[in-house]
Amino acid sequence: MAESTKSKISDQITRVLTDQIVRGELAPDEKLRQDHIAKEFETSHVPVREALLRLEARGLAVSQPRRGVRVAHFDPADMVEIREMRLALEPVALRHSIPRLTSAQKATAEEARVACDNAIDLVGWELENRAFHTAILAGCRMPRLLAEVDDLQLLSARHLLATYGSNWVRRVDRDHAAIMQAIRSRNVETAVSVLQRHLSRLS
């Protein structure tokens, strides 16, 4: 199997397993069996191992002696650290992103904002909410920073879906609208200030 093909399969496996863990379809401590995953994706164990290593790096899986790779537990107390990290990193990324955002990237962010407001369930809202937060940072040319932010957003999403499933209420996000208005006006300080306020509400 060519390296590029292995990489594409590994990417696909990573995406699918990430979504299943974030949405709670794979429960904490559930074993991620390489043979089962390889059979499901009709591939060898090599791309599966690569995908599992990525999940471990993201904090979504853990490798335990004699127990194999399992879905990581998630302690709600971890949200304190995750919130503080997002508060530290996302404003930096936004500062670097706004001056470089293209018209197409701004349009993508606005589409995600509207879709978030129009979501009819928590799963759909979370997906569009994460898409919005990713889109407003698209102009940032710091791939390591963005990769770290992406991992933190995934952990936030997992917590949110596990905690607020029965309490979610459809609403218009005024912070998102204010951030977009500031982006259109190229008002970096206002956008950053609203984002900081927005992230500080995470629990």
Foldseek 3Di string as FASTA:
>chain_A
DDPVVLQVLLVVLLVVVLVCLLLCVFPFFRADDLVVSCVVSVHDSVSVVVSLVVCVVLVQWDQDPPSGITGHDDDPVCVVVLLVVCLVQLLVLLLQQLVQDDPVLLVQLVVLLVQLLVDDFDVSNLVSVLSNSLSSSVRRPDVVSSVNNNSSSSSLSSVCSVPCRPPDDRHRDVLSVQLSVCSVVVVSVSNSVSVSVVSVPRD
